[in-house]
Amino acid sequence: MELATDTHNGFAVTLRNLEKRFGDFVAVNRVNLDVRKGEIFGFLGPNGAGKSTTIRMLCGILEPTAGSGTVAGFDITRQAEEIKKHIGYMSQRFSLYEDLTVAENIDFYSGIYRIPAARKNARKEWVIEMAGLTEHRNSRTAILSGGWKQRLALGCAILHEPPIIFLDEPTSGVDPISRRNFWDLIYQLAGEGVTVFVTTHYMDEAEYCDRLGLIYRGELIALGTPGELKSRFMAEEVIEVLCDQPQEALEPIEQLAEVKHAALFGRGLHVVAERADDAIPAITARLKELNLPVNRIEQILPSLEDVFVSQIESHDRKEAPQREVAS
């Protein structure tokens, strides 16, 4: 069995100039990345950014157009079938069979993964207990709640105890409590040495990851821990404005010369400026002109959402002249 040397360097995933084109459309553009063993790595980006396409290449489902990479030490171009034996893959469209019971679904996937008979029953009981479905093992999957289906799908995806699992938008469409419980399971797996590669567009989920890659228009535009992204990739300063009518205040504040952009955030606004010391007096004066009472206005640490929006806008500003020349 041929293994890449990267497995000896502590990396579960390595990518070098990975690219995927569909005709003239570049879905993934020269991505470089190393993911350590046992790491929870998050791909954060809007829909259509290239997250799922990248994961499908890593799982051996799509062949790259250019570049190279390894997963679990196997080459993503030449050893796709070996990769599939050493990974778990789950997406929001993971196929549970609604007409089968919980136990029957697990039995089906045990056969797919060719789990030895001596190991099959123990793994089945592990999944049922992990998913909290002991009392529902003989229930039809169709009657389960979204959270239970989600945990069952995760269990079925990792029945064969893979060292790496890929989770593609796994919590879409489930309630916040189920999402939190699902992440407890991810932490448990990572604690046991499993590498978790997860895509998401939920900012609160991104905070749970050891490291994050921000992907936009197929490009990896920022990489680091959640803390590093907030401190290193946010050149501007962020101001929180809490006022009685934030919707009415949004456009007038954005028009100020001292403000780069503003967005609704909870019950207030997050305002991005080059210098908070210059922007705060200007914002205060504008709100006074509009007779909009201010409850609080102060500089704050940026959130991941602030960083993400800032990086996207910066990327678009750099790309705009090139697009104009191309057109």
Protein backbone atom coordinates (compact mmCIF):
# COMPACT_ATOMS: atom_id res chain seq x y z
CA MET A 1 0.00 0.00 0.00
CA GLU A 2 1.64 3.25 -1.17
CA LEU A 3 1.52 6.08 1.35
CA ALA A 4 2.57 9.68 0.81
CA THR A 5 5.34 11.05 2.99
CA ASP A 6 2.97 13.70 4.37
CA THR A 7 1.49 11.13 6.77
CA HIS A 8 4.79 11.14 8.64
CA ASN A 9 4.63 14.92 9.06
CA GLY A 10 1.42 14.86 11.06
CA PHE A 11 -0.85 16.02 8.23
CA ALA A 12 -4.16 14.33 7.44
CA VAL A 13 -4.81 16.51 4.37
CA THR A 14 -2.38 18.37 2.11
CA LEU A 15 -3.31 20.46 -0.92
CA ARG A 16 -1.02 22.18 -3.41
CA ASN A 17 -2.46 24.54 -6.02
CA LEU A 18 -5.68 22.51 -6.15
CA GLU A 19 -7.95 23.61 -8.95
CA LYS A 20 -11.29 22.56 -10.38
CA ARG A 21 -12.80 23.99 -13.55
CA PHE A 22 -16.16 23.33 -15.15
CA GLY A 23 -15.66 24.65 -18.66
CA ASP A 24 -14.63 28.29 -18.27
CA PHE A 25 -15.89 28.47 -14.69
CA VAL A 26 -13.22 28.17 -11.99
CA ALA A 27 -14.92 26.58 -8.98
CA VAL A 28 -11.72 26.08 -6.94
CA ASN A 29 -8.74 28.28 -7.66
CA ARG A 30 -5.22 27.12 -6.67
CA VAL A 31 -5.92 26.25 -3.03
CA ASN A 32 -2.96 25.42 -0.76
CA LEU A 33 -3.67 23.87 2.63
CA ASP A 34 -2.34 21.52 5.32
CA VAL A 35 -4.69 20.02 7.92
CA ARG A 36 -3.11 18.35 10.95
CA LYS A 37 -4.16 14.99 12.31
CA GLY A 38 -6.79 15.31 15.06
CA GLU A 39 -7.65 18.88 14.05
CA ILE A 40 -11.15 20.30 13.64
CA PHE A 41 -10.73 22.33 10.47
CA GLY A 42 -13.55 24.52 9.20
CA PHE A 43 -14.19 25.78 5.68
CA LEU A 44 -16.23 28.95 6.05
CA GLY A 45 -17.86 30.62 3.07
CA PRO A 46 -21.10 31.60 1.35
CA ASN A 47 -23.05 29.23 -0.87
CA GLY A 48 -21.26 28.70 -4.17
CA ALA A 49 -17.83 29.61 -2.80
CA GLY A 50 -16.26 26.25 -3.64
CA LYS A 51 -16.49 24.49 -0.27
CA SER A 52 -18.42 21.42 -1.43
CA THR A 53 -16.44 21.11 -4.66
CA THR A 54 -13.20 21.03 -2.66
CA ILE A 55 -14.54 18.38 -0.29
CA ARG A 56 -15.70 16.21 -3.19
CA MET A 57 -12.20 16.30 -4.65
CA LEU A 58 -10.73 15.35 -1.28
CA CYS A 59 -13.17 12.45 -0.96
CA GLY A 60 -12.26 11.03 -4.38
CA ILE A 61 -15.65 11.90 -5.88
CA LEU A 62 -14.42 14.62 -8.27
CA GLU A 63 -11.09 14.60 -10.12
CA PRO A 64 -9.08 17.84 -9.85
CA THR A 65 -8.40 19.82 -13.01
CA ALA A 66 -4.93 20.76 -11.75
CA GLY A 67 -2.80 20.68 -8.64
CA SER A 68 -2.15 17.87 -6.19
CA GLY A 69 -3.07 16.66 -2.74
CA THR A 70 -3.18 13.80 -0.29
CA VAL A 71 -5.83 12.55 2.13
CA ALA A 72 -4.79 10.03 4.80
CA GLY A 73 -1.55 9.76 2.86
CA PHE A 74 -3.20 8.76 -0.43
CA ASP A 75 -2.96 10.74 -3.65
CA ILE A 76 -6.32 12.38 -4.50
CA THR A 77 -5.80 11.84 -8.24
CA ARG A 78 -4.31 8.34 -8.38
CA GLN A 79 -5.69 6.67 -5.23
CA ALA A 80 -9.29 7.83 -4.97
CA GLU A 81 -10.60 4.36 -4.11
CA GLU A 82 -8.11 3.97 -1.25
CA ILE A 83 -9.14 7.38 0.11
CA LYS A 84 -12.78 6.29 0.22
CA LYS A 85 -11.85 3.37 2.50
CA HIS A 86 -10.15 5.68 5.01
CA ILE A 87 -12.65 8.52 5.32
CA GLY A 88 -16.19 9.18 6.46
CA TYR A 89 -18.32 11.58 4.43
CA MET A 90 -21.57 13.18 5.47
CA SER A 91 -23.51 16.05 3.94
CA GLN A 92 -26.91 17.61 4.48
CA ARG A 93 -28.11 15.21 1.78
CA PHE A 94 -26.69 12.07 3.42
CA SER A 95 -28.90 9.16 2.35
CA LEU A 96 -30.76 7.61 5.24
CA TYR A 97 -33.49 5.26 4.06
CA GLU A 98 -36.74 6.56 5.50
CA ASP A 99 -38.64 3.27 5.15
CA LEU A 100 -35.97 1.36 7.08
CA THR A 101 -35.72 1.31 10.85
CA VAL A 102 -32.77 2.83 12.69
CA ALA A 103 -31.22 -0.63 13.13
CA GLU A 104 -31.81 -1.56 9.48
CA ASN A 105 -30.10 1.63 8.26
CA ILE A 106 -27.07 0.79 10.37
CA ASP A 107 -27.06 -2.79 9.06
CA PHE A 108 -27.21 -1.49 5.49
CA TYR A 109 -24.18 0.78 5.93
CA SER A 110 -22.30 -1.95 7.79
CA GLY A 111 -22.60 -3.96 4.59
CA ILE A 112 -21.53 -1.02 2.42
CA TYR A 113 -18.38 -0.57 4.53
CA ARG A 114 -17.81 -4.35 4.76
CA ILE A 115 -17.47 -4.29 8.52
CA PRO A 116 -16.38 -7.76 9.76
CA ALA A 117 -19.12 -9.82 11.39
CA ALA A 118 -17.17 -9.97 14.65
CA ARG A 119 -17.14 -6.15 14.82
CA LYS A 120 -20.54 -5.37 13.32
CA ASN A 121 -22.72 -5.70 16.44
CA ALA A 122 -20.41 -3.65 18.65
CA ARG A 123 -20.33 -0.82 16.10
CA LYS A 124 -24.09 -0.97 15.70
CA GLU A 125 -24.63 -0.60 19.45
CA TRP A 126 -22.11 2.25 19.55
CA VAL A 127 -24.02 4.20 16.88
CA ILE A 128 -27.38 3.66 18.57
CA GLU A 129 -26.05 4.80 21.93
CA MET A 130 -24.11 7.75 20.45
CA ALA A 131 -27.19 8.94 18.59
CA GLY A 132 -29.40 8.60 21.67
CA LEU A 133 -31.69 6.19 19.82
CA THR A 134 -31.74 3.22 22.19
CA GLU A 135 -35.51 3.45 22.59
CA HIS A 136 -36.01 4.03 18.85
CA ARG A 137 -33.78 1.35 17.36
CA ASN A 138 -36.82 -0.34 15.78
CA SER A 139 -38.55 2.88 14.74
CA ARG A 140 -38.85 3.86 11.11
CA THR A 141 -36.30 6.55 10.30
CA ALA A 142 -39.02 8.70 8.71
CA ILE A 143 -40.54 9.51 12.12
CA LEU A 144 -37.30 10.75 13.69
CA SER A 145 -36.67 14.44 14.39
CA GLY A 146 -34.07 16.33 12.37
CA GLY A 147 -31.55 16.17 15.22
CA TRP A 148 -31.88 12.41 15.61
CA LYS A 149 -31.57 11.85 11.85
CA GLN A 150 -28.47 14.01 11.88
CA ARG A 151 -26.78 11.97 14.63
CA LEU A 152 -27.82 8.70 12.98
CA ALA A 153 -26.37 9.89 9.67
CA LEU A 154 -23.08 10.77 11.38
CA GLY A 155 -23.00 7.35 13.04
CA CYS A 156 -23.59 5.57 9.73
CA ALA A 157 -20.86 7.65 8.06
CA ILE A 158 -18.25 6.61 10.64
CA LEU A 159 -19.28 3.00 11.26
CA HIS A 160 -15.95 1.83 9.82
CA GLU A 161 -13.99 4.08 12.26
CA PRO A 162 -12.22 6.24 9.66
CA PRO A 163 -9.33 8.48 10.79
CA ILE A 164 -10.72 11.44 8.81
CA ILE A 165 -14.32 12.61 8.45
CA PHE A 166 -15.64 15.19 6.02
CA LEU A 167 -18.82 16.97 7.05
CA ASP A 168 -20.35 19.11 4.30
CA GLU A 169 -22.88 21.58 5.77
CA PRO A 170 -23.99 18.84 8.18
CA THR A 171 -26.20 20.99 10.42
CA SER A 172 -28.29 22.79 7.80
CA GLY A 173 -31.96 22.69 8.64
CA VAL A 174 -31.73 21.57 12.29
CA ASP A 175 -32.53 23.56 15.42
CA PRO A 176 -29.81 25.31 17.49
CA ILE A 177 -29.93 22.78 20.34
CA SER A 178 -29.47 19.87 17.92
CA ARG A 179 -26.59 21.75 16.29
CA ARG A 180 -24.92 22.22 19.67
CA ASN A 181 -25.39 18.53 20.53
CA PHE A 182 -23.95 17.57 17.15
CA TRP A 183 -20.85 19.64 17.84
CA ASP A 184 -20.44 17.88 21.19
CA LEU A 185 -20.11 14.66 19.17
CA ILE A 186 -17.54 16.27 16.88
CA TYR A 187 -15.47 17.34 19.89
CA GLN A 188 -15.66 13.79 21.24
CA LEU A 189 -14.40 12.35 17.95
CA ALA A 190 -11.58 14.88 17.69
CA GLY A 191 -10.60 14.07 21.27
CA GLU A 192 -10.15 10.47 20.14
CA GLY A 193 -7.72 11.57 17.41
CA VAL A 194 -10.14 11.77 14.46
CA THR A 195 -9.49 14.58 11.98
CA VAL A 196 -12.68 16.54 11.25
CA PHE A 197 -12.99 18.67 8.11
CA VAL A 198 -16.28 20.57 8.15
CA THR A 199 -17.85 23.17 5.86
CA THR A 200 -20.30 25.69 7.24
CA HIS A 201 -21.75 29.14 6.69
CA TYR A 202 -22.81 29.47 10.35
CA MET A 203 -20.51 31.92 12.13
CA ASP A 204 -21.21 30.47 15.58
CA GLU A 205 -20.18 27.01 14.37
CA ALA A 206 -16.99 28.41 12.92
CA GLU A 207 -15.95 29.47 16.43
CA TYR A 208 -15.88 25.79 17.46
CA CYS A 209 -13.11 24.94 14.96
CA ASP A 210 -9.40 24.76 15.80
CA ARG A 211 -8.61 26.54 12.54
CA LEU A 212 -10.62 28.10 9.74
CA GLY A 213 -10.17 28.75 6.07
CA LEU A 214 -12.29 31.52 4.55
CA ILE A 215 -13.13 30.56 0.98
CA TYR A 216 -14.69 32.95 -1.51
CA ARG A 217 -15.12 32.57 -5.27
CA GLY A 218 -13.02 29.44 -5.12
CA GLU A 219 -10.05 31.11 -3.42
CA LEU A 220 -8.73 30.64 0.11
CA ILE A 221 -8.64 34.29 1.23
CA ALA A 222 -7.74 33.85 4.91
CA LEU A 223 -6.46 31.05 7.13
CA GLY A 224 -5.92 30.78 10.89
CA THR A 225 -7.52 30.12 14.27
CA PRO A 226 -10.72 32.07 15.02
CA GLY A 227 -8.64 34.35 17.27
CA GLU A 228 -5.97 34.89 14.62
CA LEU A 229 -8.56 35.77 12.00
CA LYS A 230 -10.02 38.44 14.28
CA SER A 231 -6.66 39.93 15.17
CA ARG A 232 -4.59 39.55 11.99
CA PHE A 233 -7.10 39.75 9.16
CA MET A 234 -9.13 42.73 10.34
CA ALA A 235 -7.17 45.89 9.57
CA GLU A 236 -10.17 48.14 10.24
CA GLU A 237 -11.78 48.85 13.59
CA VAL A 238 -15.33 47.84 14.54
CA ILE A 239 -17.84 49.97 16.40
CA GLU A 240 -21.02 48.68 17.98
CA VAL A 241 -23.95 51.09 17.81
CA LEU A 242 -27.02 50.33 19.90
CA CYS A 243 -29.89 52.65 19.15
CA ASP A 244 -33.70 52.51 19.15
CA GLN A 245 -34.15 52.32 15.36
CA PRO A 246 -31.08 50.67 13.82
CA GLN A 247 -32.76 50.12 10.42
CA GLU A 248 -33.33 53.87 10.05
CA ALA A 249 -29.79 54.64 11.18
CA LEU A 250 -28.05 52.22 8.82
CA GLU A 251 -28.01 54.20 5.55
CA PRO A 252 -27.16 57.62 7.08
CA ILE A 253 -24.25 56.09 8.98
CA GLU A 254 -22.93 54.30 5.88
CA GLN A 255 -22.87 57.65 4.06
CA LEU A 256 -20.38 59.15 6.51
CA ALA A 257 -16.88 59.73 5.15
CA GLU A 258 -15.38 58.19 8.31
CA VAL A 259 -17.28 54.91 7.78
CA LYS A 260 -16.30 52.12 5.38
CA HIS A 261 -19.47 50.06 5.81
CA ALA A 262 -22.17 49.19 8.33
CA ALA A 263 -24.51 46.26 8.84
CA LEU A 264 -27.40 45.30 11.08
CA PHE A 265 -26.18 43.07 13.88
CA GLY A 266 -28.70 41.80 16.41
CA ARG A 267 -30.50 44.83 17.88
CA GLY A 268 -27.89 47.29 16.71
CA LEU A 269 -25.25 47.95 14.08
CA HIS A 270 -21.68 46.92 13.51
CA VAL A 271 -19.83 49.79 11.85
CA VAL A 272 -16.41 49.32 10.25
CA ALA A 273 -14.06 52.29 10.06
CA GLU A 274 -10.37 53.00 9.52
CA ARG A 275 -10.25 54.75 12.90
CA ALA A 276 -12.91 54.34 15.58
CA ASP A 277 -11.78 57.57 17.28
CA ASP A 278 -12.74 59.52 14.16
CA ALA A 279 -15.91 57.59 13.35
CA ILE A 280 -17.56 57.58 16.80
CA PRO A 281 -17.98 61.39 17.03
CA ALA A 282 -19.26 61.51 13.43
CA ILE A 283 -21.79 58.72 14.08
CA THR A 284 -22.93 60.34 17.32
CA ALA A 285 -23.47 63.68 15.57
CA ARG A 286 -25.38 62.11 12.68
CA LEU A 287 -27.73 60.20 15.00
CA LYS A 288 -28.33 63.39 16.99
CA GLU A 289 -29.29 65.17 13.75
CA LEU A 290 -31.78 62.40 13.04
CA ASN A 291 -33.19 62.49 16.60
CA LEU A 292 -32.33 58.80 17.06
CA PRO A 293 -31.42 58.18 20.72
CA VAL A 294 -28.20 56.21 21.24
CA ASN A 295 -28.07 53.60 23.98
CA ARG A 296 -24.40 52.74 23.49
CA ILE A 297 -21.63 53.38 20.99
CA GLU A 298 -18.18 51.90 21.50
CA GLN A 299 -15.31 50.16 19.77
CA ILE A 300 -15.44 46.36 20.11
CA LEU A 301 -13.41 43.34 19.09
CA PRO A 302 -14.49 42.17 15.63
CA SER A 303 -16.64 39.07 15.27
CA LEU A 304 -15.91 36.37 12.69
CA GLU A 305 -18.77 37.79 10.66
CA ASP A 306 -17.06 41.20 10.66
CA VAL A 307 -13.81 39.57 9.50
CA PHE A 308 -15.56 37.58 6.81
CA VAL A 309 -17.45 40.56 5.39
CA SER A 310 -14.28 42.68 5.50
CA GLN A 311 -12.22 40.04 3.69
CA ILE A 312 -14.88 39.55 1.00
CA GLU A 313 -15.15 43.29 0.38
CA SER A 314 -11.37 43.63 0.25
CA HIS A 315 -11.18 40.73 -2.21
CA ASP A 316 -13.87 42.28 -4.41
CA ARG A 317 -12.09 45.65 -4.43
CA LYS A 318 -8.87 44.00 -5.61
CA GLU A 319 -10.67 41.95 -8.26
CA ALA A 320 -12.83 44.78 -9.65
CA PRO A 321 -10.11 46.40 -11.83
CA GLN A 322 -9.16 43.00 -13.28
CA ARG A 323 -12.79 42.22 -14.13
CA GLU A 324 -13.18 45.61 -15.82
CA VAL A 325 -10.08 44.99 -17.95
CA ALA A 326 -11.31 41.50 -18.86
CA SER A 327 -14.70 42.83 -19.92
